[in-house]
Protein backbone atom coordinates (compact mmCIF):
# COMPACT_ATOMS: atom_id res chain seq x y z
CA MET A 1 121.17 70.64 60.15
CA LYS A 2 119.33 73.44 60.91
CA GLN A 3 117.97 71.65 64.12
CA PHE A 4 119.73 70.94 66.54
CA THR A 5 120.61 70.57 70.86
CA ARG A 6 122.93 71.24 73.61
CA THR A 7 123.55 69.56 76.89
CA PHE A 8 125.57 71.02 79.73
CA ILE A 9 126.15 69.13 82.70
CA ASN A 10 127.57 71.37 85.28
CA ASP A 11 129.41 70.77 88.04
CA ASP A 12 126.83 71.10 90.68
CA GLY A 13 124.85 68.84 89.21
CA THR A 14 122.42 70.63 86.99
CA THR A 15 122.10 70.25 83.51
CA CYS A 16 120.96 72.85 80.75
CA VAL A 17 119.44 71.50 77.82
CA TRP A 18 119.69 74.46 74.47
CA LYS A 19 117.00 73.58 71.46
CA TYR A 20 118.14 75.31 68.48
CA ASP A 21 116.12 75.70 65.05
CA LEU A 22 118.47 78.19 62.54
CA ASP A 23 115.24 78.48 60.54
CA LYS A 24 113.66 80.53 62.84
CA SER A 25 116.61 82.05 64.81
CA THR A 26 120.17 82.96 63.98
CA SER A 27 121.43 85.16 66.80
CA GLY A 28 121.05 81.85 70.04
CA PRO A 29 118.67 79.16 71.46
CA ILE A 30 114.46 79.09 70.71
CA GLU A 31 114.15 77.16 74.26
CA THR A 32 115.94 76.54 77.23
CA SER A 33 115.15 74.18 80.08
CA THR A 34 117.50 73.47 83.53
CA SER A 35 116.59 70.35 85.49
CA TYR A 36 118.23 70.11 88.76
CA PRO A 37 118.78 67.51 91.37
CA LYS A 38 117.33 66.53 94.56
CA GLU A 39 120.21 67.48 96.35
CA TYR A 40 120.79 70.80 94.74
CA LEU A 41 117.54 72.09 96.21
CA LYS A 42 117.85 71.19 99.18
CA THR A 43 121.09 73.01 99.27
CA ILE A 44 119.40 76.67 98.14
CA GLU A 45 117.60 75.82 101.36
CA LYS A 46 120.15 75.68 103.78
CA THR A 47 121.90 78.49 102.06
CA LYS A 48 118.55 80.80 102.59
CA ASN A 49 118.63 79.48 106.05
CA ASN A 50 122.29 81.56 106.61
CA LYS A 51 122.61 84.15 108.45
CA VAL A 52 125.56 85.47 106.39
CA ASP A 53 123.12 85.37 102.94
CA GLN A 54 119.80 87.11 104.57
CA LYS A 55 119.07 90.52 104.81
CA TYR A 56 117.70 92.60 107.86
CA LEU A 57 116.01 95.88 107.82
CA ASN A 58 117.12 98.43 109.14
CA LEU A 59 114.65 100.79 110.96
CA ASN A 60 116.54 103.94 110.93
CA ASN A 61 116.21 104.81 107.39
CA GLY A 62 113.89 101.42 106.17
CA LYS A 63 116.55 99.93 104.24
CA TYR A 64 117.76 96.43 103.81
CA VAL A 65 121.41 95.74 105.17
CA GLY A 66 123.33 92.29 104.74
CA TYR A 67 124.63 90.60 107.86
CA GLY A 68 128.29 92.44 108.11
CA ARG A 69 126.76 96.30 108.59
CA ALA A 70 123.56 94.69 110.74
CA LYS A 71 126.12 93.54 113.27
CA ALA A 72 127.99 96.95 112.97
CA LEU A 73 124.71 98.58 113.28
CA GLY A 74 123.77 96.56 116.55
CA LEU A 75 120.47 95.54 114.75
CA ILE A 76 121.67 91.52 115.81
């Protein structure tokens, strides 16, 4: 058995399939694929809109800072 696949189903509903071919590589998979459920993609969009996950531009030095630092600096 030189070719085989492994399927991983994660707690968040994503499914990862790893394909192995020991004739081509003995150190790891030769191909991986991940499929996401529709609900998972909606949660990613919600977290992007979350204030805590956003980055804010500090005009004093031109760098992006997180929510806590932006609030401390009075940017928001």
